[in-house]
Amino acid sequence: MDSCKIKLTIAYDGTQYSGWQIQKVGIGVQEKVEAALAKLFPTHPRLHSSSRTDTGVHALGMVAHFEAPRTDYKLKSKKLQLALNAWLPGDIRITSVSSASKEFHARFDATGKQYRYFVWNNSAMNPLLRHSAWHVPRSLDVRAMREAASLFLGKHDFRSFSANQGYERTSTVRNLTRCDLKKSASLLTFIIEGDGFIYKMCRGIVGTLVQIGLGKFPVTDVKKMLAHKDRRVAGMTAPAQGLVLWKVFYKSKSGIGPGQNI
C-alpha cells in the first residue's frame, strides 16, 4: 500500500486537558486531534508525537506525525490544516502541515526541545494570564535567579529536579544548552532548552529558581542539589499552568518536504 507521512505542528491551551496523550481517565489533546483525523481519513490514523505534556501544560510547537494511504487524501497541506481545525475545539489548533519522508519520526528524530515558563510577579494577578502563568506576588531577586539559572547549563543528572513517574528510568542525565530568565515589567519568562527532559524537570527547575528568588535557598545550593540526585533536596515543583512546550528541534528538516501535495 502506497502511504504518505504527514507532519503536524500543534498548539493548545492545556487547561481543560489531562495532558497530551490519550488517557484512561480524562481527555488528552491527542484524542481530540485523532478524532478530527478520523473525520477525514477512513483509516483513523494514529498520531506519534515528539513529546508528552502533563495535565494543564500548554504547547505552541508540539510536533506529531501520522501515516495514511495516499489514495485517501489528495488535498494540499493548507486545506488539510483548515479541515482539521474545523473539527477541533478552539483551544487546539494545527498551526502547520507538511509532508515528511518515510523515515521521519516526530519523536526519535527530535534533537532538542525548548520550554518556556511564565511567572507573573506582581501583588495582583493579571486576569488575562491566570491560565498561562504562575502568580508569585512576593518580590523576587531576579539577579540571583539568573545567576542560579546559569548553573543548570551543561550535562547533569537532573534526578533532584524530576518527580517520580512510578517506574525506573534508564537515565536522568540531560544536557541543557540554554537556561535564561527574561523580565518585561511584571512578566518573567524562563527559557529552558536541551536535548531532552525528564518528568516535571522544567517545573522543578523553575520552582527552585523562584524559591532562590524568594531567598529560601542560596544560589550556590544548585550545585549541591544536582550532586545529591535526590528530589527531596531541591525546591518545589512549579504549577503546570505556566509551562509551554515552545518548539521542537530537528536536524536540517529531517526529511520534511515542502508540504505541497501530499
Protein backbone atom coordinates (compact mmCIF):
# COMPACT_ATOMS: atom_id res chain seq x y z
CA MET A 1 0.00 0.00 0.00
CA ASP A 2 1.38 3.38 -1.03
CA SER A 3 1.20 5.65 2.01
CA CYS A 4 2.27 9.17 2.86
CA LYS A 5 3.64 10.52 6.11
CA ILE A 6 2.33 13.86 7.31
CA LYS A 7 3.85 16.14 9.95
CA LEU A 8 1.67 18.40 12.10
CA THR A 9 2.66 21.25 14.37
CA ILE A 10 0.06 21.66 17.09
CA ALA A 11 -0.66 24.43 19.59
CA TYR A 12 -3.02 24.05 22.50
CA ASP A 13 -4.20 25.51 25.76
CA GLY A 14 -3.85 22.57 28.13
CA THR A 15 -6.12 23.95 30.85
CA GLN A 16 -9.02 21.59 30.14
CA TYR A 17 -6.94 18.52 29.25
CA SER A 18 -5.29 15.68 31.15
CA GLY A 19 -2.08 16.13 29.18
CA TRP A 20 -1.21 15.33 25.58
CA GLN A 21 -1.60 11.58 25.41
CA ILE A 22 -4.79 9.52 25.36
CA GLN A 23 -5.91 8.91 28.95
CA LYS A 24 -7.84 6.17 30.74
CA VAL A 25 -9.41 8.89 32.86
CA GLY A 26 -9.89 12.39 31.43
CA ILE A 27 -9.34 13.69 27.92
CA GLY A 28 -5.95 14.11 26.27
CA VAL A 29 -5.20 16.50 23.42
CA GLN A 30 -4.10 13.55 21.26
CA GLU A 31 -7.59 12.08 21.50
CA LYS A 32 -9.13 15.26 20.11
CA VAL A 33 -6.70 15.51 17.20
CA GLU A 34 -7.09 11.83 16.31
CA ALA A 35 -10.88 12.25 16.35
CA ALA A 36 -10.52 15.12 13.87
CA LEU A 37 -8.25 12.98 11.67
CA ALA A 38 -10.86 10.21 11.71
CA LYS A 39 -13.35 12.61 10.14
CA LEU A 40 -11.04 13.00 7.15
CA PHE A 41 -9.25 9.65 6.88
CA PRO A 42 -11.22 6.34 6.86
CA THR A 43 -8.19 4.51 8.28
CA HIS A 44 -8.41 6.51 11.57
CA PRO A 45 -4.65 7.21 11.69
CA ARG A 46 -2.77 7.20 14.98
CA LEU A 47 -0.56 10.15 15.93
CA HIS A 48 3.05 9.77 17.03
CA SER A 49 4.22 12.83 18.95
CA SER A 50 7.57 14.42 19.73
CA SER A 51 6.73 14.83 23.42
CA ARG A 52 4.24 14.32 26.18
CA THR A 53 2.85 17.13 28.27
CA ASP A 54 1.24 16.82 31.70
CA THR A 55 -2.20 17.87 32.85
CA GLY A 56 -2.64 21.63 32.46
CA VAL A 57 0.58 22.18 30.47
CA HIS A 58 0.34 24.05 27.16
CA ALA A 59 2.10 23.80 23.80
CA LEU A 60 2.88 26.15 20.96
CA GLY A 61 5.13 23.80 18.98
CA MET A 62 4.11 20.19 19.64
CA VAL A 63 5.15 18.08 16.64
CA ALA A 64 3.39 14.86 15.61
CA HIS A 65 3.16 12.69 12.53
CA PHE A 66 0.76 10.14 11.09
CA GLU A 67 0.58 7.89 8.06
CA ALA A 68 -2.31 7.43 5.68
CA PRO A 69 -2.89 5.75 2.28
CA ARG A 70 -2.04 8.20 -0.45
CA THR A 71 -5.37 7.43 -2.14
CA ASP A 72 -7.25 8.74 0.91
CA TYR A 73 -6.00 12.27 0.58
CA LYS A 74 -5.26 14.47 -2.39
CA LEU A 75 -5.62 17.98 -0.95
CA LYS A 76 -2.86 20.48 -0.33
CA SER A 77 -1.44 20.82 3.15
CA LYS A 78 -3.12 24.18 3.76
CA LYS A 79 -6.53 22.67 3.08
CA LEU A 80 -5.82 19.78 5.45
CA GLN A 81 -4.88 22.31 8.13
CA LEU A 82 -8.16 24.18 7.62
CA ALA A 83 -10.19 20.96 7.59
CA LEU A 84 -8.64 19.65 10.80
CA ASN A 85 -9.12 22.95 12.61
CA ALA A 86 -12.78 22.93 11.58
CA TRP A 87 -13.21 19.70 13.57
CA LEU A 88 -11.13 20.78 16.58
CA PRO A 89 -12.20 22.79 19.64
CA GLY A 90 -10.96 26.38 19.86
CA ASP A 91 -8.27 25.55 22.43
CA ILE A 92 -6.44 23.22 19.98
CA ARG A 93 -5.06 24.39 16.65
CA ILE A 94 -2.98 22.83 13.88
CA THR A 95 -0.53 25.60 13.05
CA SER A 96 1.22 23.87 10.15
CA VAL A 97 1.02 20.76 7.97
CA SER A 98 3.78 19.39 5.76
CA SER A 99 4.76 16.19 4.02
CA ALA A 100 7.61 14.18 5.52
CA SER A 101 9.91 11.47 4.28
CA LYS A 102 9.01 7.88 5.09
CA GLU A 103 11.96 7.78 7.52
CA PHE A 104 10.83 10.77 9.59
CA HIS A 105 9.70 10.17 13.18
CA ALA A 106 8.46 13.06 15.29
CA ARG A 107 9.91 11.65 18.50
CA PHE A 108 13.07 9.80 17.51
CA ASP A 109 14.32 12.43 15.05
CA ALA A 110 13.99 15.30 17.52
CA THR A 111 17.38 16.71 18.57
CA GLY A 112 16.14 19.04 21.28
CA LYS A 113 13.25 20.99 22.75
CA GLN A 114 12.59 24.42 24.16
CA TYR A 115 10.18 25.04 27.01
CA ARG A 116 9.11 28.41 28.32
CA TYR A 117 7.67 29.07 31.75
CA PHE A 118 5.79 32.26 32.61
CA VAL A 119 5.59 33.90 36.04
CA TRP A 120 3.52 36.98 36.84
CA ASN A 121 5.44 38.73 39.62
CA ASN A 122 3.08 41.36 40.96
CA SER A 123 0.91 41.72 44.05
CA ALA A 124 -2.19 41.45 41.84
CA MET A 125 -2.56 38.70 39.26
CA ASN A 126 -3.12 39.67 35.64
CA PRO A 127 -6.53 38.04 35.00
CA LEU A 128 -5.70 37.57 31.30
CA LEU A 129 -2.80 35.29 32.29
CA ARG A 130 -4.49 33.29 35.03
CA HIS A 131 -4.42 30.08 32.94
CA SER A 132 -0.96 30.61 31.43
CA ALA A 133 1.29 31.99 34.19
CA TRP A 134 2.14 31.28 37.80
CA HIS A 135 1.25 34.15 40.11
CA VAL A 136 4.10 34.92 42.53
CA PRO A 137 3.03 38.02 44.49
CA ARG A 138 6.18 38.49 46.58
CA SER A 139 9.22 40.41 45.32
CA LEU A 140 11.84 38.25 43.59
CA ASP A 141 15.60 38.71 43.34
CA VAL A 142 15.95 38.43 39.55
CA ARG A 143 19.73 38.79 39.65
CA ALA A 144 20.06 35.78 41.99
CA MET A 145 17.71 33.72 39.84
CA ARG A 146 19.71 34.49 36.70
CA GLU A 147 22.95 33.54 38.43
CA ALA A 148 21.41 30.28 39.63
CA ALA A 149 19.92 29.52 36.18
CA SER A 150 23.40 29.55 34.65
CA LEU A 151 24.44 26.69 36.95
CA PHE A 152 21.99 24.34 35.21
CA LEU A 153 23.77 24.67 31.87
CA GLY A 154 25.63 21.64 30.55
CA LYS A 155 25.29 17.92 31.16
CA HIS A 156 23.99 16.95 34.61
CA ASP A 157 21.98 14.29 36.36
CA PHE A 158 18.66 16.07 36.92
CA ARG A 159 17.13 13.49 39.24
CA SER A 160 16.82 16.08 42.03
CA PHE A 161 14.51 18.16 39.84
CA SER A 162 12.28 15.42 38.47
CA ALA A 163 9.20 13.88 40.05
CA ASN A 164 8.89 10.11 40.36
CA GLN A 165 6.97 8.61 37.43
CA GLY A 166 6.43 5.32 39.21
CA TYR A 167 8.93 3.31 37.20
CA GLU A 168 12.71 3.08 36.86
CA ARG A 169 14.20 5.42 34.25
CA THR A 170 17.13 4.34 32.10
CA SER A 171 18.89 7.68 32.62
CA THR A 172 18.23 11.01 34.30
CA VAL A 173 21.22 12.72 32.66
CA ARG A 174 20.34 15.53 30.27
CA ASN A 175 22.24 18.38 28.59
CA LEU A 176 20.85 21.91 28.89
CA THR A 177 22.08 24.37 26.27
CA ARG A 178 20.00 27.31 27.49
CA CYS A 179 18.53 28.38 30.82
CA ASP A 180 17.65 32.07 30.65
CA LEU A 181 15.38 34.43 32.53
CA LYS A 182 13.88 37.43 30.76
CA LYS A 183 11.94 40.18 32.52
CA SER A 184 9.40 42.52 30.99
CA ALA A 185 7.70 44.59 33.68
CA SER A 186 5.89 42.04 35.87
CA LEU A 187 6.21 39.15 33.44
CA LEU A 188 9.14 36.77 33.92
CA THR A 189 9.92 34.26 31.18
CA PHE A 190 12.16 31.29 31.88
CA ILE A 191 13.58 29.76 28.66
CA ILE A 192 14.93 26.23 29.06
CA GLU A 193 16.41 24.37 26.12
CA GLY A 194 18.08 20.98 25.96
CA ASP A 195 18.48 17.63 24.28
CA GLY A 196 15.67 16.11 26.34
CA PHE A 197 13.70 16.40 29.55
CA ILE A 198 12.53 14.04 32.27
CA TYR A 199 9.22 14.09 34.15
CA LYS A 200 8.43 17.54 35.59
CA MET A 201 12.09 18.57 35.22
CA CYS A 202 11.36 22.07 33.88
CA ARG A 203 8.85 22.72 36.62
CA GLY A 204 11.32 21.51 39.24
CA ILE A 205 13.99 23.87 37.90
CA VAL A 206 11.64 26.87 37.77
CA GLY A 207 10.17 26.15 41.22
CA THR A 208 13.69 26.04 42.66
CA LEU A 209 14.74 29.24 40.88
CA VAL A 210 11.70 31.08 42.20
CA GLN A 211 12.46 29.90 45.74
CA ILE A 212 16.03 31.17 45.26
CA GLY A 213 14.47 34.49 44.19
CA LEU A 214 12.46 34.46 47.41
CA GLY A 215 15.61 33.88 49.47
CA LYS A 216 14.72 30.33 50.54
CA PHE A 217 17.92 28.88 49.05
CA PRO A 218 21.28 30.48 48.27
CA VAL A 219 22.43 30.40 44.64
CA THR A 220 25.27 28.00 45.47
CA ASP A 221 22.79 25.33 46.60
CA VAL A 222 22.04 24.46 42.95
CA LYS A 223 25.33 22.57 42.64
CA LYS A 224 24.60 20.68 45.86
CA MET A 225 21.10 19.79 44.68
CA LEU A 226 22.41 18.42 41.39
CA ALA A 227 25.09 16.40 43.18
CA HIS A 228 22.66 14.81 45.67
CA LYS A 229 20.45 13.25 42.95
CA ASP A 230 17.55 13.30 45.40
CA ARG A 231 14.26 15.14 44.76
CA ARG A 232 13.89 15.95 48.45
CA VAL A 233 16.88 18.32 48.49
CA ALA A 234 15.72 20.62 45.67
CA GLY A 235 12.97 23.20 45.56
CA MET A 236 9.28 22.94 44.78
CA THR A 237 7.62 21.90 41.53
CA ALA A 238 6.15 24.97 39.81
CA PRO A 239 2.44 24.75 38.88
CA ALA A 240 1.54 23.29 35.49
CA GLN A 241 -0.27 26.30 34.00
CA GLY A 242 2.88 28.38 33.45
CA LEU A 243 4.65 25.82 31.25
CA VAL A 244 4.61 25.80 27.44
CA LEU A 245 6.32 23.38 25.05
CA TRP A 246 7.59 26.16 22.80
CA LYS A 247 9.37 24.33 19.97
CA VAL A 248 10.96 21.05 18.95
CA PHE A 249 14.25 20.97 17.04
CA TYR A 250 15.24 18.66 14.18
CA LYS A 251 18.43 18.28 12.16
CA SER A 252 18.06 20.28 8.93
CA LYS A 253 14.48 19.35 8.09
CA SER A 254 14.70 15.63 8.93
CA GLY A 255 13.27 14.65 5.61
CA ILE A 256 10.36 17.07 5.84
CA GLY A 257 9.12 18.05 2.43
CA PRO A 258 7.75 21.39 1.29
CA GLY A 259 4.18 20.38 2.14
CA GLN A 260 2.56 20.90 -1.22
CA ASN A 261 0.51 17.95 -2.48
CA ILE A 262 0.69 15.05 -0.05
